[in-house]
Full PDB file with SEQRES, HELIX, SHEET, SSBOND, CRYST1, ORIGX, SCALE, CONECT and MASTER records, all heavy atoms in Angstrom:
SEQRES   1 A   40  ARG ARG GLY ALA ALA ILE LEU ALA GLN THR LEU PRO TYR          
SEQRES   2 A   40  LEU PRO ALA GLY VAL HIS LEU ALA VAL VAL ASP PRO ALA          
SEQRES   3 A   40  VAL GLY VAL ASN ARG ARG ALA VAL ALA VAL GLU ALA GLY          
SEQRES   4 A   40  GLY                                                          
HELIX    1 AA1 ARG A    2  THR A   10  1                                   9    
HELIX    2 AA2 LEU A   11  TYR A   13  5                                   3    
CRYST1    1.000    1.000    1.000  90.00  90.00  90.00 P 1           1          
ORIGX1      1.000000  0.000000  0.000000        0.00000                         
ORIGX2      0.000000  1.000000  0.000000        0.00000                         
ORIGX3      0.000000  0.000000  1.000000        0.00000                         
SCALE1      1.000000  0.000000  0.000000        0.00000                         
SCALE2      0.000000  1.000000  0.000000        0.00000                         
SCALE3      0.000000  0.000000  1.000000        0.00000                         
ATOM      1  N   ARG A   1       0.854  -1.224   0.014  1.00  0.00           N  
ATOM      2  CA  ARG A   1       0.072   0.015   0.006  1.00  0.00           C  
ATOM      3  C   ARG A   1       0.911   1.291   0.039  1.00  0.00           C  
ATOM      4  O   ARG A   1       0.517   2.168  -0.742  1.00  0.00           O  
ATOM      5  CB  ARG A   1      -0.989  -0.005   1.217  1.00  0.00           C  
ATOM      6  CG  ARG A   1      -1.936   1.090   1.350  1.00  0.00           C  
ATOM      7  CD  ARG A   1      -2.633   0.972   2.595  1.00  0.00           C  
ATOM      8  NE  ARG A   1      -3.609   2.161   2.742  1.00  0.00           N  
ATOM      9  CZ  ARG A   1      -4.799   2.080   2.267  1.00  0.00           C  
ATOM     10  NH1 ARG A   1      -5.294   1.007   1.728  1.00  0.00           N  
ATOM     11  NH2 ARG A   1      -5.654   3.226   2.500  1.00  0.00           N  
ATOM     12  N   ARG A   2       1.913   1.295   0.857  1.00  0.00           N  
ATOM     13  CA  ARG A   2       2.842   2.404   0.769  1.00  0.00           C  
ATOM     14  C   ARG A   2       3.507   2.609  -0.504  1.00  0.00           C  
ATOM     15  O   ARG A   2       3.574   3.633  -1.079  1.00  0.00           O  
ATOM     16  CB  ARG A   2       3.829   2.287   1.988  1.00  0.00           C  
ATOM     17  CG  ARG A   2       4.948   3.351   2.088  1.00  0.00           C  
ATOM     18  CD  ARG A   2       4.341   4.628   2.536  1.00  0.00           C  
ATOM     19  NE  ARG A   2       5.388   5.625   2.693  1.00  0.00           N  
ATOM     20  CZ  ARG A   2       5.307   6.921   2.378  1.00  0.00           C  
ATOM     21  NH1 ARG A   2       4.120   7.422   2.148  1.00  0.00           N  
ATOM     22  NH2 ARG A   2       6.287   7.768   2.728  1.00  0.00           N  
ATOM     23  N   GLY A   3       3.998   1.487  -1.011  1.00  0.00           N  
ATOM     24  CA  GLY A   3       4.565   1.607  -2.315  1.00  0.00           C  
ATOM     25  C   GLY A   3       3.656   2.185  -3.453  1.00  0.00           C  
ATOM     26  O   GLY A   3       4.028   2.883  -4.269  1.00  0.00           O  
ATOM     27  N   ALA A   4       2.382   1.495  -3.430  1.00  0.00           N  
ATOM     28  CA  ALA A   4       1.411   2.091  -4.411  1.00  0.00           C  
ATOM     29  C   ALA A   4       1.204   3.572  -4.248  1.00  0.00           C  
ATOM     30  O   ALA A   4       1.010   4.281  -5.328  1.00  0.00           O  
ATOM     31  CB  ALA A   4       0.190   1.295  -4.283  1.00  0.00           C  
ATOM     32  N   ALA A   5       1.062   4.021  -2.969  1.00  0.00           N  
ATOM     33  CA  ALA A   5       0.772   5.450  -2.869  1.00  0.00           C  
ATOM     34  C   ALA A   5       2.038   6.320  -3.390  1.00  0.00           C  
ATOM     35  O   ALA A   5       1.814   7.391  -3.967  1.00  0.00           O  
ATOM     36  CB  ALA A   5       0.529   5.700  -1.330  1.00  0.00           C  
ATOM     37  N   ILE A   6       3.280   5.872  -3.023  1.00  0.00           N  
ATOM     38  CA  ILE A   6       4.368   6.651  -3.501  1.00  0.00           C  
ATOM     39  C   ILE A   6       4.528   6.706  -4.937  1.00  0.00           C  
ATOM     40  O   ILE A   6       4.651   7.743  -5.629  1.00  0.00           O  
ATOM     41  CB  ILE A   6       5.663   6.031  -2.882  1.00  0.00           C  
ATOM     42  CG1 ILE A   6       5.731   6.133  -1.370  1.00  0.00           C  
ATOM     43  CG2 ILE A   6       6.925   6.625  -3.620  1.00  0.00           C  
ATOM     44  CD1 ILE A   6       6.911   5.455  -0.815  1.00  0.00           C  
ATOM     45  N   LEU A   7       4.305   5.571  -5.627  1.00  0.00           N  
ATOM     46  CA  LEU A   7       4.405   5.598  -7.114  1.00  0.00           C  
ATOM     47  C   LEU A   7       3.211   6.447  -7.808  1.00  0.00           C  
ATOM     48  O   LEU A   7       3.460   7.240  -8.611  1.00  0.00           O  
ATOM     49  CB  LEU A   7       4.247   4.123  -7.660  1.00  0.00           C  
ATOM     50  CG  LEU A   7       4.331   3.943  -9.183  1.00  0.00           C  
ATOM     51  CD1 LEU A   7       5.744   4.456  -9.655  1.00  0.00           C  
ATOM     52  CD2 LEU A   7       4.174   2.495  -9.592  1.00  0.00           C  
ATOM     53  N   ALA A   8       2.048   6.339  -7.213  1.00  0.00           N  
ATOM     54  CA  ALA A   8       0.924   7.044  -7.780  1.00  0.00           C  
ATOM     55  C   ALA A   8       1.167   8.627  -7.571  1.00  0.00           C  
ATOM     56  O   ALA A   8       0.811   9.376  -8.546  1.00  0.00           O  
ATOM     57  CB  ALA A   8      -0.432   6.602  -7.244  1.00  0.00           C  
ATOM     58  N   GLN A   9       1.552   8.971  -6.435  1.00  0.00           N  
ATOM     59  CA  GLN A   9       1.822  10.446  -6.154  1.00  0.00           C  
ATOM     60  C   GLN A   9       2.993  10.981  -6.805  1.00  0.00           C  
ATOM     61  O   GLN A   9       3.082  12.291  -7.034  1.00  0.00           O  
ATOM     62  CB  GLN A   9       1.740  10.646  -4.658  1.00  0.00           C  
ATOM     63  CG  GLN A   9       0.512  10.301  -3.862  1.00  0.00           C  
ATOM     64  CD  GLN A   9       0.611  10.278  -2.393  1.00  0.00           C  
ATOM     65  OE1 GLN A   9       1.476  10.895  -1.827  1.00  0.00           O  
ATOM     66  NE2 GLN A   9      -0.430   9.598  -1.768  1.00  0.00           N  
ATOM     67  N   THR A  10       3.914  10.211  -7.199  1.00  0.00           N  
ATOM     68  CA  THR A  10       5.118  10.657  -7.804  1.00  0.00           C  
ATOM     69  C   THR A  10       4.958  10.731  -9.353  1.00  0.00           C  
ATOM     70  O   THR A  10       5.635  11.495 -10.108  1.00  0.00           O  
ATOM     71  CB  THR A  10       6.420   9.818  -7.498  1.00  0.00           C  
ATOM     72  OG1 THR A  10       6.431   9.629  -6.108  1.00  0.00           O  
ATOM     73  CG2 THR A  10       7.686  10.335  -7.995  1.00  0.00           C  
ATOM     74  N   LEU A  11       4.012   9.808  -9.880  1.00  0.00           N  
ATOM     75  CA  LEU A  11       3.901   9.630 -11.249  1.00  0.00           C  
ATOM     76  C   LEU A  11       3.732  11.075 -12.071  1.00  0.00           C  
ATOM     77  O   LEU A  11       4.317  11.224 -13.235  1.00  0.00           O  
ATOM     78  CB  LEU A  11       2.706   8.678 -11.537  1.00  0.00           C  
ATOM     79  CG  LEU A  11       2.629   8.304 -13.021  1.00  0.00           C  
ATOM     80  CD1 LEU A  11       3.791   7.312 -13.403  1.00  0.00           C  
ATOM     81  CD2 LEU A  11       1.282   7.534 -13.243  1.00  0.00           C  
ATOM     82  N   PRO A  12       3.017  11.999 -11.583  1.00  0.00           N  
ATOM     83  CA  PRO A  12       2.774  13.242 -12.342  1.00  0.00           C  
ATOM     84  C   PRO A  12       4.066  14.018 -12.680  1.00  0.00           C  
ATOM     85  O   PRO A  12       4.148  14.705 -13.635  1.00  0.00           O  
ATOM     86  CB  PRO A  12       1.835  14.070 -11.596  1.00  0.00           C  
ATOM     87  CG  PRO A  12       1.118  13.115 -10.727  1.00  0.00           C  
ATOM     88  CD  PRO A  12       2.131  11.932 -10.378  1.00  0.00           C  
ATOM     89  N   TYR A  13       5.100  13.690 -11.986  1.00  0.00           N  
ATOM     90  CA  TYR A  13       6.338  14.459 -12.115  1.00  0.00           C  
ATOM     91  C   TYR A  13       7.478  13.555 -12.762  1.00  0.00           C  
ATOM     92  O   TYR A  13       8.608  13.951 -12.925  1.00  0.00           O  
ATOM     93  CB  TYR A  13       6.936  14.899 -10.671  1.00  0.00           C  
ATOM     94  CG  TYR A  13       5.829  15.582  -9.926  1.00  0.00           C  
ATOM     95  CD1 TYR A  13       5.036  14.905  -9.003  1.00  0.00           C  
ATOM     96  CD2 TYR A  13       5.388  16.879 -10.254  1.00  0.00           C  
ATOM     97  CE1 TYR A  13       3.962  15.541  -8.277  1.00  0.00           C  
ATOM     98  CE2 TYR A  13       4.438  17.607  -9.487  1.00  0.00           C  
ATOM     99  CZ  TYR A  13       3.661  16.948  -8.555  1.00  0.00           C  
ATOM    100  OH  TYR A  13       2.692  17.561  -8.001  1.00  0.00           O  
ATOM    101  N   LEU A  14       7.034  12.368 -13.281  1.00  0.00           N  
ATOM    102  CA  LEU A  14       8.021  11.503 -13.908  1.00  0.00           C  
ATOM    103  C   LEU A  14       7.685  11.528 -15.442  1.00  0.00           C  
ATOM    104  O   LEU A  14       6.599  11.434 -15.875  1.00  0.00           O  
ATOM    105  CB  LEU A  14       7.776  10.062 -13.391  1.00  0.00           C  
ATOM    106  CG  LEU A  14       8.152   9.709 -11.930  1.00  0.00           C  
ATOM    107  CD1 LEU A  14       7.667   8.405 -11.543  1.00  0.00           C  
ATOM    108  CD2 LEU A  14       9.661  10.032 -11.587  1.00  0.00           C  
ATOM    109  N   PRO A  15       8.894  11.396 -16.133  1.00  0.00           N  
ATOM    110  CA  PRO A  15       8.602  11.321 -17.603  1.00  0.00           C  
ATOM    111  C   PRO A  15       8.002  10.037 -17.997  1.00  0.00           C  
ATOM    112  O   PRO A  15       8.174   9.101 -17.287  1.00  0.00           O  
ATOM    113  CB  PRO A  15      10.095  11.507 -18.182  1.00  0.00           C  
ATOM    114  CG  PRO A  15      10.927  11.087 -17.090  1.00  0.00           C  
ATOM    115  CD  PRO A  15      10.248  11.445 -15.745  1.00  0.00           C  
ATOM    116  N   ALA A  16       7.361   9.953 -19.109  1.00  0.00           N  
ATOM    117  CA  ALA A  16       6.861   8.657 -19.540  1.00  0.00           C  
ATOM    118  C   ALA A  16       7.982   7.708 -19.752  1.00  0.00           C  
ATOM    119  O   ALA A  16       9.119   8.091 -20.184  1.00  0.00           O  
ATOM    120  CB  ALA A  16       6.020   8.867 -20.903  1.00  0.00           C  
ATOM    121  N   GLY A  17       7.781   6.387 -19.477  1.00  0.00           N  
ATOM    122  CA  GLY A  17       8.775   5.505 -19.644  1.00  0.00           C  
ATOM    123  C   GLY A  17       8.387   4.181 -19.111  1.00  0.00           C  
ATOM    124  O   GLY A  17       7.188   3.906 -19.043  1.00  0.00           O  
ATOM    125  N   VAL A  18       9.338   3.323 -18.644  1.00  0.00           N  
ATOM    126  CA  VAL A  18       9.005   2.162 -18.004  1.00  0.00           C  
ATOM    127  C   VAL A  18       9.124   2.349 -16.502  1.00  0.00           C  
ATOM    128  O   VAL A  18      10.084   2.824 -15.957  1.00  0.00           O  
ATOM    129  CB  VAL A  18      10.049   1.025 -18.422  1.00  0.00           C  
ATOM    130  CG1 VAL A  18       9.744  -0.230 -17.710  1.00  0.00           C  
ATOM    131  CG2 VAL A  18      10.027   0.811 -19.953  1.00  0.00           C  
ATOM    132  N   HIS A  19       8.021   2.004 -15.784  1.00  0.00           N  
ATOM    133  CA  HIS A  19       7.905   2.271 -14.339  1.00  0.00           C  
ATOM    134  C   HIS A  19       7.820   0.907 -13.622  1.00  0.00           C  
ATOM    135  O   HIS A  19       6.897   0.160 -13.664  1.00  0.00           O  
ATOM    136  CB  HIS A  19       6.755   3.058 -13.990  1.00  0.00           C  
ATOM    137  CG  HIS A  19       6.659   4.312 -14.721  1.00  0.00           C  
ATOM    138  ND1 HIS A  19       7.532   5.384 -14.532  1.00  0.00           N  
ATOM    139  CD2 HIS A  19       5.893   4.737 -15.914  1.00  0.00           C  
ATOM    140  CE1 HIS A  19       7.247   6.417 -15.363  1.00  0.00           C  
ATOM    141  NE2 HIS A  19       6.262   6.035 -16.139  1.00  0.00           N  
ATOM    142  N   LEU A  20       9.026   0.536 -13.047  1.00  0.00           N  
ATOM    143  CA  LEU A  20       9.152  -0.762 -12.296  1.00  0.00           C  
ATOM    144  C   LEU A  20       8.942  -0.496 -10.824  1.00  0.00           C  
ATOM    145  O   LEU A  20       9.660   0.249 -10.258  1.00  0.00           O  
ATOM    146  CB  LEU A  20      10.522  -1.296 -12.634  1.00  0.00           C  
ATOM    147  CG  LEU A  20      11.105  -2.559 -11.911  1.00  0.00           C  
ATOM    148  CD1 LEU A  20      10.155  -3.669 -12.125  1.00  0.00           C  
ATOM    149  CD2 LEU A  20      12.459  -2.832 -12.522  1.00  0.00           C  
ATOM    150  N   ALA A  21       8.174  -1.342 -10.177  1.00  0.00           N  
ATOM    151  CA  ALA A  21       7.873  -1.260  -8.840  1.00  0.00           C  
ATOM    152  C   ALA A  21       7.908  -2.708  -8.339  1.00  0.00           C  
ATOM    153  O   ALA A  21       7.153  -3.519  -8.806  1.00  0.00           O  
ATOM    154  CB  ALA A  21       6.607  -0.583  -8.469  1.00  0.00           C  
ATOM    155  N   VAL A  22       8.847  -2.967  -7.296  1.00  0.00           N  
ATOM    156  CA  VAL A  22       8.819  -4.335  -6.699  1.00  0.00           C  
ATOM    157  C   VAL A  22       8.844  -4.198  -5.197  1.00  0.00           C  
ATOM    158  O   VAL A  22       9.855  -3.939  -4.539  1.00  0.00           O  
ATOM    159  CB  VAL A  22      10.183  -5.160  -7.110  1.00  0.00           C  
ATOM    160  CG1 VAL A  22      10.189  -6.454  -6.628  1.00  0.00           C  
ATOM    161  CG2 VAL A  22      10.452  -4.969  -8.633  1.00  0.00           C  
ATOM    162  N   VAL A  23       7.690  -4.476  -4.654  1.00  0.00           N  
ATOM    163  CA  VAL A  23       7.379  -4.579  -3.304  1.00  0.00           C  
ATOM    164  C   VAL A  23       6.558  -5.709  -3.103  1.00  0.00           C  
ATOM    165  O   VAL A  23       5.359  -5.711  -3.554  1.00  0.00           O  
ATOM    166  CB  VAL A  23       6.697  -3.356  -2.685  1.00  0.00           C  
ATOM    167  CG1 VAL A  23       6.450  -3.477  -1.204  1.00  0.00           C  
ATOM    168  CG2 VAL A  23       7.572  -2.088  -2.883  1.00  0.00           C  
ATOM    169  N   ASP A  24       7.034  -6.751  -2.561  1.00  0.00           N  
ATOM    170  CA  ASP A  24       6.205  -8.099  -2.495  1.00  0.00           C  
ATOM    171  C   ASP A  24       6.498  -8.893  -1.314  1.00  0.00           C  
ATOM    172  O   ASP A  24       7.499  -9.472  -1.274  1.00  0.00           O  
ATOM    173  CB  ASP A  24       6.440  -8.851  -3.814  1.00  0.00           C  
ATOM    174  CG  ASP A  24       5.533 -10.029  -3.982  1.00  0.00           C  
ATOM    175  OD1 ASP A  24       4.524 -10.092  -3.283  1.00  0.00           O  
ATOM    176  OD2 ASP A  24       5.730 -10.808  -5.018  1.00  0.00           O  
ATOM    177  N   PRO A  25       5.524  -8.826  -0.368  1.00  0.00           N  
ATOM    178  CA  PRO A  25       5.697  -9.664   0.824  1.00  0.00           C  
ATOM    179  C   PRO A  25       5.766 -11.153   0.614  1.00  0.00           C  
ATOM    180  O   PRO A  25       6.185 -11.975   1.378  1.00  0.00           O  
ATOM    181  CB  PRO A  25       4.559  -9.274   1.760  1.00  0.00           C  
ATOM    182  CG  PRO A  25       3.570  -8.732   0.792  1.00  0.00           C  
ATOM    183  CD  PRO A  25       4.301  -8.141  -0.358  1.00  0.00           C  
ATOM    184  N   ALA A  26       5.250 -11.594  -0.599  1.00  0.00           N  
ATOM    185  CA  ALA A  26       5.131 -12.961  -0.957  1.00  0.00           C  
ATOM    186  C   ALA A  26       6.253 -13.406  -1.964  1.00  0.00           C  
ATOM    187  O   ALA A  26       5.921 -14.356  -2.645  1.00  0.00           O  
ATOM    188  CB  ALA A  26       3.685 -13.334  -1.373  1.00  0.00           C  
ATOM    189  N   VAL A  27       7.291 -12.648  -1.962  1.00  0.00           N  
ATOM    190  CA  VAL A  27       8.346 -13.013  -2.902  1.00  0.00           C  
ATOM    191  C   VAL A  27       8.781 -14.465  -2.681  1.00  0.00           C  
ATOM    192  O   VAL A  27       8.900 -14.939  -1.565  1.00  0.00           O  
ATOM    193  CB  VAL A  27       9.503 -12.044  -2.916  1.00  0.00           C  
ATOM    194  CG1 VAL A  27      10.155 -12.192  -1.515  1.00  0.00           C  
ATOM    195  CG2 VAL A  27      10.455 -12.342  -3.958  1.00  0.00           C  
ATOM    196  N   GLY A  28       9.033 -15.234  -3.714  1.00  0.00           N  
ATOM    197  CA  GLY A  28       9.444 -16.561  -3.643  1.00  0.00           C  
ATOM    198  C   GLY A  28       8.402 -17.547  -3.844  1.00  0.00           C  
ATOM    199  O   GLY A  28       8.564 -18.771  -4.055  1.00  0.00           O  
ATOM    200  N   VAL A  29       7.076 -17.068  -3.869  1.00  0.00           N  
ATOM    201  CA  VAL A  29       5.877 -17.938  -4.192  1.00  0.00           C  
ATOM    202  C   VAL A  29       5.599 -17.679  -5.555  1.00  0.00           C  
ATOM    203  O   VAL A  29       6.121 -16.842  -6.294  1.00  0.00           O  
ATOM    204  CB  VAL A  29       4.790 -17.658  -3.309  1.00  0.00           C  
ATOM    205  CG1 VAL A  29       5.112 -17.920  -1.855  1.00  0.00           C  
ATOM    206  CG2 VAL A  29       4.158 -16.285  -3.521  1.00  0.00           C  
ATOM    207  N   ASN A  30       4.594 -18.535  -6.134  1.00  0.00           N  
ATOM    208  CA  ASN A  30       4.214 -18.401  -7.555  1.00  0.00           C  
ATOM    209  C   ASN A  30       3.424 -17.146  -7.820  1.00  0.00           C  
ATOM    210  O   ASN A  30       2.214 -17.297  -8.125  1.00  0.00           O  
ATOM    211  CB  ASN A  30       3.519 -19.628  -7.971  1.00  0.00           C  
ATOM    212  CG  ASN A  30       3.321 -19.794  -9.446  1.00  0.00           C  
ATOM    213  OD1 ASN A  30       4.063 -19.124 -10.136  1.00  0.00           O  
ATOM    214  ND2 ASN A  30       2.352 -20.478  -9.846  1.00  0.00           N  
ATOM    215  N   ARG A  31       3.937 -15.915  -7.761  1.00  0.00           N  
ATOM    216  CA  ARG A  31       3.255 -14.599  -8.002  1.00  0.00           C  
ATOM    217  C   ARG A  31       3.399 -14.302  -9.470  1.00  0.00           C  
ATOM    218  O   ARG A  31       4.565 -14.339  -9.951  1.00  0.00           O  
ATOM    219  CB  ARG A  31       3.939 -13.596  -7.103  1.00  0.00           C  
ATOM    220  CG  ARG A  31       3.463 -12.286  -7.403  1.00  0.00           C  
ATOM    221  CD  ARG A  31       2.171 -11.793  -6.666  1.00  0.00           C  
ATOM    222  NE  ARG A  31       2.439 -11.623  -5.248  1.00  0.00           N  
ATOM    223  CZ  ARG A  31       1.614 -11.443  -4.312  1.00  0.00           C  
ATOM    224  NH1 ARG A  31       0.271 -11.707  -4.582  1.00  0.00           N  
ATOM    225  NH2 ARG A  31       1.990 -11.306  -2.975  1.00  0.00           N  
ATOM    226  N   ARG A  32       2.238 -13.997 -10.052  1.00  0.00           N  
ATOM    227  CA  ARG A  32       2.403 -13.525 -11.503  1.00  0.00           C  
ATOM    228  C   ARG A  32       3.078 -12.253 -11.612  1.00  0.00           C  
ATOM    229  O   ARG A  32       2.957 -11.254 -10.828  1.00  0.00           O  
ATOM    230  CB  ARG A  32       0.947 -13.392 -12.000  1.00  0.00           C  
ATOM    231  CG  ARG A  32       0.827 -13.051 -13.403  1.00  0.00           C  
ATOM    232  CD  ARG A  32      -0.563 -13.268 -13.922  1.00  0.00           C  
ATOM    233  NE  ARG A  32      -1.614 -12.592 -13.067  1.00  0.00           N  
ATOM    234  CZ  ARG A  32      -2.838 -12.916 -13.046  1.00  0.00           C  
ATOM    235  NH1 ARG A  32      -3.229 -13.937 -13.822  1.00  0.00           N  
ATOM    236  NH2 ARG A  32      -3.745 -12.222 -12.231  1.00  0.00           N  
ATOM    237  N   ALA A  33       3.968 -12.054 -12.698  1.00  0.00           N  
ATOM    238  CA  ALA A  33       4.682 -10.840 -12.967  1.00  0.00           C  
ATOM    239  C   ALA A  33       3.827 -10.222 -14.168  1.00  0.00           C  
ATOM    240  O   ALA A  33       3.585 -11.025 -15.122  1.00  0.00           O  
ATOM    241  CB  ALA A  33       6.065 -11.102 -13.316  1.00  0.00           C  
ATOM    242  N   VAL A  34       3.726  -8.985 -14.235  1.00  0.00           N  
ATOM    243  CA  VAL A  34       2.877  -8.318 -15.284  1.00  0.00           C  
ATOM    244  C   VAL A  34       3.530  -7.063 -15.730  1.00  0.00           C  
ATOM    245  O   VAL A  34       4.264  -6.484 -15.016  1.00  0.00           O  
ATOM    246  CB  VAL A  34       1.493  -8.012 -14.665  1.00  0.00           C  
ATOM    247  CG1 VAL A  34       0.698  -9.271 -14.326  1.00  0.00           C  
ATOM    248  CG2 VAL A  34       1.501  -7.057 -13.502  1.00  0.00           C  
ATOM    249  N   ALA A  35       3.101  -6.748 -16.948  1.00  0.00           N  
ATOM    250  CA  ALA A  35       3.446  -5.479 -17.628  1.00  0.00           C  
ATOM    251  C   ALA A  35       2.058  -4.889 -17.962  1.00  0.00           C  
ATOM    252  O   ALA A  35       1.202  -5.633 -18.583  1.00  0.00           O  
ATOM    253  CB  ALA A  35       4.366  -5.696 -18.900  1.00  0.00           C  
ATOM    254  N   VAL A  36       1.892  -3.677 -17.663  1.00  0.00           N  
ATOM    255  CA  VAL A  36       0.604  -2.935 -17.882  1.00  0.00           C  
ATOM    256  C   VAL A  36       0.863  -1.703 -18.663  1.00  0.00           C  
ATOM    257  O   VAL A  36       1.704  -0.883 -18.326  1.00  0.00           O  
ATOM    258  CB  VAL A  36      -0.134  -2.618 -16.583  1.00  0.00           C  
ATOM    259  CG1 VAL A  36      -1.547  -1.981 -16.870  1.00  0.00           C  
ATOM    260  CG2 VAL A  36      -0.268  -3.840 -15.744  1.00  0.00           C  
ATOM    261  N   GLU A  37       0.125  -1.534 -19.805  1.00  0.00           N  
ATOM    262  CA  GLU A  37       0.316  -0.285 -20.669  1.00  0.00           C  
ATOM    263  C   GLU A  37      -0.876   0.661 -20.158  1.00  0.00           C  
ATOM    264  O   GLU A  37      -1.954   0.277 -20.102  1.00  0.00           O  
ATOM    265  CB  GLU A  37       0.178  -0.592 -22.078  1.00  0.00           C  
ATOM    266  CG  GLU A  37       1.326  -1.414 -22.687  1.00  0.00           C  
ATOM    267  CD  GLU A  37       1.215  -1.566 -24.071  1.00  0.00           C  
ATOM    268  OE1 GLU A  37       0.267  -2.313 -24.552  1.00  0.00           O  
ATOM    269  OE2 GLU A  37       2.088  -1.170 -24.911  1.00  0.00           O  
ATOM    270  N   ALA A  38      -0.490   1.885 -19.943  1.00  0.00           N  
ATOM    271  CA  ALA A  38      -1.431   2.911 -19.522  1.00  0.00           C  
ATOM    272  C   ALA A  38      -0.873   4.258 -19.804  1.00  0.00           C  
ATOM    273  O   ALA A  38       0.330   4.581 -19.343  1.00  0.00           O  
ATOM    274  CB  ALA A  38      -1.711   2.755 -17.995  1.00  0.00           C  
ATOM    275  N   GLY A  39      -1.619   5.160 -20.429  1.00  0.00           N  
ATOM    276  CA  GLY A  39      -1.239   6.533 -20.662  1.00  0.00           C  
ATOM    277  C   GLY A  39       0.058   6.748 -21.317  1.00  0.00           C  
ATOM    278  O   GLY A  39       0.850   7.659 -20.997  1.00  0.00           O  
ATOM    279  N   GLY A  40       0.462   5.830 -22.294  1.00  0.00           N  
ATOM    280  CA  GLY A  40       1.802   5.996 -22.968  1.00  0.00           C  
ATOM    281  C   GLY A  40       2.932   5.550 -22.099  1.00  0.00           C  
ATOM    282  O   GLY A  40       4.157   5.814 -22.367  1.00  0.00           O  
TER     283      GLY A  40                                                      
MASTER        0    0    0    2    0    0    0    6  282    1    0    4          
END                                                                             
């Protein structure tokens, strides 16, 4: 939740590009990795 808030609130000041966020309390389990296209 904290990571999601930081990324969303910082996004308006970041240039368009690839935005990588890795915060995962369940790392090491079979978690799906995703790429999402939004707003260029």
